[in-house]
């Protein structure tokens, strides 16, 4: 099965690549163009990305793009509540693969703080995100359970975090796997991005996408909240 076999909603587009390397290159070129256009139009640009191992090649290609990185703000759609030095830190991942060379000039906004607990860390991140300019580009991933960012099915706070008109920007979440404590941007903040991209690879992710498109129960598969017009899906086998 290919992405062309999936019945996507009107206004949702898909781009298919032959390999993960070609997907990473194509995604980096597109994101760099969107950021460059935003800088030309408004003087700055905001990029929100997801962590995990899947986007590493994309980060490496994006870091090589010619951009006025000093005018770019980079932050994360979600974060594990662990220090930057921890192997599971998404911020640490960005510093290793994206925020280097010319891209090191970008301003990085970290969701993590060494608060007393994850609830207080989320409140602190919420206050920080109040200063974030409008998001220009959002790049999301998707888990086999239909989660995106750290909006996990069955997590406490999920209903509130998924409110389409919610005013809070960051919520504490529990993932089913270690490290369980997470911080995530809310659906409302993520959905406010001018350009939204979902990057997935492999047959299992197509199966998950098909399942997500078969119903509108957002709580069961939170990625459904973003399968809306103007979303671009990047996929490779």
Protein backbone atom coordinates (compact mmCIF):
# COMPACT_ATOMS: atom_id res chain seq x y z
CA UNK A 1 0.00 0.00 0.00
CA UNK A 2 1.14 3.55 -0.78
CA UNK A 3 -0.06 6.92 0.51
CA UNK A 4 -1.84 7.38 -2.84
CA UNK A 5 -4.13 4.48 -1.86
CA UNK A 6 -5.33 6.33 1.26
CA UNK A 7 -8.58 8.29 1.00
CA UNK A 8 -7.53 11.62 2.46
CA UNK A 9 -10.00 14.34 3.46
CA UNK A 10 -10.49 17.22 1.04
CA UNK A 11 -7.76 19.79 1.56
CA UNK A 12 -5.25 17.31 3.01
CA UNK A 13 -2.38 16.60 0.59
CA UNK A 14 0.29 13.89 0.53
CA UNK A 15 3.81 13.68 -0.86
CA UNK A 16 5.45 10.29 -1.35
CA UNK A 17 9.21 9.70 -1.34
CA UNK A 18 11.15 6.58 -2.26
CA UNK A 19 13.36 6.54 0.83
CA UNK A 20 13.75 8.14 4.28
CA UNK A 21 16.76 10.12 2.99
CA UNK A 22 14.76 11.63 0.12
CA UNK A 23 11.90 12.42 2.50
CA UNK A 24 14.28 14.16 4.92
CA UNK A 25 15.78 16.21 2.08
CA UNK A 26 12.41 17.16 0.62
CA UNK A 27 11.00 18.10 4.02
CA UNK A 28 14.06 20.19 4.88
CA UNK A 29 13.82 22.11 1.58
CA UNK A 30 10.12 22.80 2.07
CA UNK A 31 10.47 23.88 5.70
CA UNK A 32 13.45 26.13 4.87
CA UNK A 33 11.43 27.82 2.12
CA UNK A 34 8.46 28.40 4.44
CA UNK A 35 10.77 29.87 7.11
CA UNK A 36 12.53 32.06 4.55
CA UNK A 37 9.17 33.33 3.25
CA UNK A 38 8.06 34.09 6.82
CA UNK A 39 11.24 36.07 7.50
CA UNK A 40 10.75 38.03 4.28
CA UNK A 41 7.11 38.77 5.15
CA UNK A 42 7.30 39.40 8.90
CA UNK A 43 10.95 39.71 9.89
CA UNK A 44 11.08 36.46 11.87
CA UNK A 45 9.96 32.84 11.73
CA UNK A 46 8.83 30.24 14.25
CA UNK A 47 9.44 26.51 13.75
CA UNK A 48 7.89 23.86 15.99
CA UNK A 49 9.16 20.30 15.63
CA UNK A 50 8.62 16.93 17.27
CA UNK A 51 11.41 14.93 18.88
CA UNK A 52 12.25 11.24 18.89
CA UNK A 53 14.63 9.41 16.59
CA UNK A 54 12.54 9.62 13.40
CA UNK A 55 13.27 13.29 12.54
CA UNK A 56 17.08 13.11 13.00
CA UNK A 57 17.85 12.97 9.26
CA UNK A 58 15.42 15.87 8.66
CA UNK A 59 17.17 17.92 11.37
CA UNK A 60 20.57 17.22 9.80
CA UNK A 61 19.39 18.34 6.35
CA UNK A 62 17.58 21.39 7.71
CA UNK A 63 20.70 22.54 9.58
CA UNK A 64 22.50 22.78 6.21
CA UNK A 65 19.90 25.07 4.62
CA UNK A 66 20.84 28.67 3.91
CA UNK A 67 18.63 30.75 6.17
CA UNK A 68 18.98 33.82 8.35
CA UNK A 69 18.91 31.54 11.38
CA UNK A 70 19.29 34.48 13.78
CA UNK A 71 15.69 35.39 12.91
CA UNK A 72 14.30 31.89 13.56
CA UNK A 73 12.78 30.71 16.83
CA UNK A 74 12.79 26.93 17.27
CA UNK A 75 10.79 25.08 19.88
CA UNK A 76 9.32 21.65 20.49
CA UNK A 77 5.77 20.38 20.13
CA UNK A 78 6.48 18.17 23.13
CA UNK A 79 9.24 17.24 25.53
CA UNK A 80 10.13 14.49 27.97
CA UNK A 81 10.40 15.90 31.50
CA UNK A 82 14.10 15.12 31.79
CA UNK A 83 17.16 17.41 31.88
CA UNK A 84 18.76 18.38 28.56
CA UNK A 85 21.75 16.13 29.33
CA UNK A 86 19.46 13.07 29.56
CA UNK A 87 19.52 10.65 26.62
CA UNK A 88 15.73 10.98 26.22
CA UNK A 89 15.69 14.79 26.04
CA UNK A 90 14.22 16.19 22.82
CA UNK A 91 16.06 19.46 23.48
CA UNK A 92 19.31 17.51 23.66
CA UNK A 93 18.44 15.87 20.35
CA UNK A 94 17.91 19.27 18.70
CA UNK A 95 21.19 20.61 20.06
CA UNK A 96 22.99 17.56 18.69
CA UNK A 97 21.47 17.45 15.21
CA UNK A 98 19.80 20.77 14.31
CA UNK A 99 21.11 23.69 16.36
CA UNK A 100 24.68 23.50 15.10
CA UNK A 101 26.77 25.37 12.54
CA UNK A 102 24.85 28.37 11.15
CA UNK A 103 21.62 27.00 12.68
CA UNK A 104 23.12 27.48 16.14
CA UNK A 105 22.19 31.16 15.73
CA UNK A 106 18.49 30.26 16.03
CA UNK A 107 16.77 31.09 19.30
CA UNK A 108 15.72 27.90 21.09
CA UNK A 109 12.75 27.94 23.44
CA UNK A 110 12.88 24.98 25.84
CA UNK A 111 9.74 23.49 27.36
CA UNK A 112 11.74 21.75 30.11
CA UNK A 113 12.40 23.32 33.47
CA UNK A 114 13.70 21.80 36.69
CA UNK A 115 10.45 22.47 38.55
CA UNK A 116 9.29 20.54 41.62
CA UNK A 117 7.00 18.39 39.48
CA UNK A 118 5.80 18.02 35.90
CA UNK A 119 2.62 20.03 36.61
CA UNK A 120 4.67 23.06 37.68
CA UNK A 121 7.00 22.57 34.72
CA UNK A 122 3.98 22.66 32.38
CA UNK A 123 2.72 25.86 34.02
CA UNK A 124 6.13 27.45 33.54
CA UNK A 125 6.27 26.36 29.90
CA UNK A 126 2.76 27.73 29.41
CA UNK A 127 3.90 31.17 30.60
CA UNK A 128 6.97 31.00 28.34
CA UNK A 129 4.89 30.05 25.31
CA UNK A 130 2.69 33.11 25.85
CA UNK A 131 5.64 35.11 24.45
CA UNK A 132 5.99 32.90 21.36
CA UNK A 133 5.12 34.66 18.08
CA UNK A 134 2.62 32.88 15.81
CA UNK A 135 3.90 29.50 14.59
CA UNK A 136 4.92 29.48 10.93
CA UNK A 137 5.79 25.82 10.45
CA UNK A 138 4.77 22.79 12.53
CA UNK A 139 6.23 19.34 11.83
CA UNK A 140 4.45 16.52 13.64
CA UNK A 141 5.04 12.78 13.82
CA UNK A 142 2.59 10.03 14.73
CA UNK A 143 2.81 6.92 16.91
CA UNK A 144 1.25 3.57 16.09
CA UNK A 145 -1.35 4.30 18.79
CA UNK A 146 -2.44 7.46 16.97
CA UNK A 147 -0.75 9.92 19.33
CA UNK A 148 0.97 13.04 18.05
CA UNK A 149 3.18 15.45 19.98
CA UNK A 150 2.65 14.03 23.50
CA UNK A 151 -1.12 13.91 23.18
CA UNK A 152 -1.50 10.28 24.25
CA UNK A 153 -4.76 8.31 24.36
CA UNK A 154 -5.94 7.74 27.95
CA UNK A 155 -3.53 10.29 29.44
CA UNK A 156 -4.83 12.47 32.29
CA UNK A 157 -5.48 16.02 30.98
CA UNK A 158 -6.03 14.74 27.42
CA UNK A 159 -9.60 16.05 27.15
CA UNK A 160 -8.50 19.53 28.23
CA UNK A 161 -5.41 19.50 26.02
CA UNK A 162 -7.55 18.52 23.01
CA UNK A 163 -10.02 21.39 23.36
CA UNK A 164 -10.06 23.13 19.99
CA UNK A 165 -10.65 26.50 21.65
CA UNK A 166 -8.51 25.93 24.75
CA UNK A 167 -6.49 28.89 26.02
CA UNK A 168 -3.77 26.96 27.85
CA UNK A 169 -0.69 26.34 25.70
CA UNK A 170 1.14 23.53 27.53
CA UNK A 171 -0.08 20.49 29.46
CA UNK A 172 1.55 17.75 31.51
CA UNK A 173 1.01 14.32 29.98
CA UNK A 174 1.72 10.68 30.73
CA UNK A 175 3.11 8.45 27.99
CA UNK A 176 2.59 4.67 28.18
CA UNK A 177 6.37 4.16 27.90
CA UNK A 178 9.43 5.41 29.80
CA UNK A 179 10.06 8.26 30.42
CA UNK A 180 6.37 8.60 31.18
CA UNK A 181 6.17 12.25 32.21
CA UNK A 182 5.86 14.60 29.25
CA UNK A 183 5.09 18.19 28.38
CA UNK A 184 3.04 18.94 25.28
CA UNK A 185 1.70 21.91 23.41
CA UNK A 186 -2.09 21.98 23.35
CA UNK A 187 -4.15 21.15 20.29
CA UNK A 188 -5.24 24.79 20.00
CA UNK A 189 -1.66 26.09 19.92
CA UNK A 190 -0.43 23.40 17.52
CA UNK A 191 -3.40 23.92 15.21
CA UNK A 192 -2.68 27.65 15.02
CA UNK A 193 0.42 27.02 12.88
CA UNK A 194 0.31 28.54 9.41
CA UNK A 195 1.83 25.44 7.79
CA UNK A 196 1.22 22.01 9.29
CA UNK A 197 3.12 18.89 8.20
CA UNK A 198 2.78 15.29 9.32
CA UNK A 199 5.89 13.22 8.57
CA UNK A 200 5.54 9.42 8.71
CA UNK A 201 7.27 6.40 7.21
CA UNK A 202 6.59 2.70 6.82
CA UNK A 203 3.52 0.53 6.24
CA UNK A 204 2.54 0.46 9.92
CA UNK A 205 2.09 4.23 9.91
CA UNK A 206 -0.14 4.00 6.83
CA UNK A 207 -2.24 1.41 8.66
CA UNK A 208 -2.49 3.78 11.63
CA UNK A 209 -3.39 6.68 9.34
CA UNK A 210 -6.16 4.63 7.73
CA UNK A 211 -7.52 3.77 11.16
CA UNK A 212 -7.41 7.43 12.17
CA UNK A 213 -9.35 8.43 9.06
CA UNK A 214 -12.04 5.81 9.74
CA UNK A 215 -13.51 7.66 12.72
CA UNK A 216 -13.65 11.11 14.30
CA UNK A 217 -13.08 10.07 17.93
CA UNK A 218 -10.20 12.45 18.65
CA UNK A 219 -9.60 11.18 22.19
CA UNK A 220 -9.01 7.63 20.92
CA UNK A 221 -6.47 8.78 18.32
CA UNK A 222 -5.42 12.40 18.93
CA UNK A 223 -3.75 12.73 15.52
CA UNK A 224 -7.31 12.99 14.16
CA UNK A 225 -7.40 16.58 15.44
CA UNK A 226 -4.87 17.53 12.76
CA UNK A 227 -6.18 15.59 9.75
CA UNK A 228 -7.76 18.82 8.52
CA UNK A 229 -7.51 20.99 5.39
CA UNK A 230 -4.07 22.43 4.57
CA UNK A 231 -2.23 19.57 6.34
CA UNK A 232 0.61 18.15 4.23
CA UNK A 233 1.56 14.51 4.83
CA UNK A 234 5.08 13.35 3.96
CA UNK A 235 5.47 9.58 3.64
CA UNK A 236 8.00 7.03 2.47
CA UNK A 237 7.86 3.21 2.56
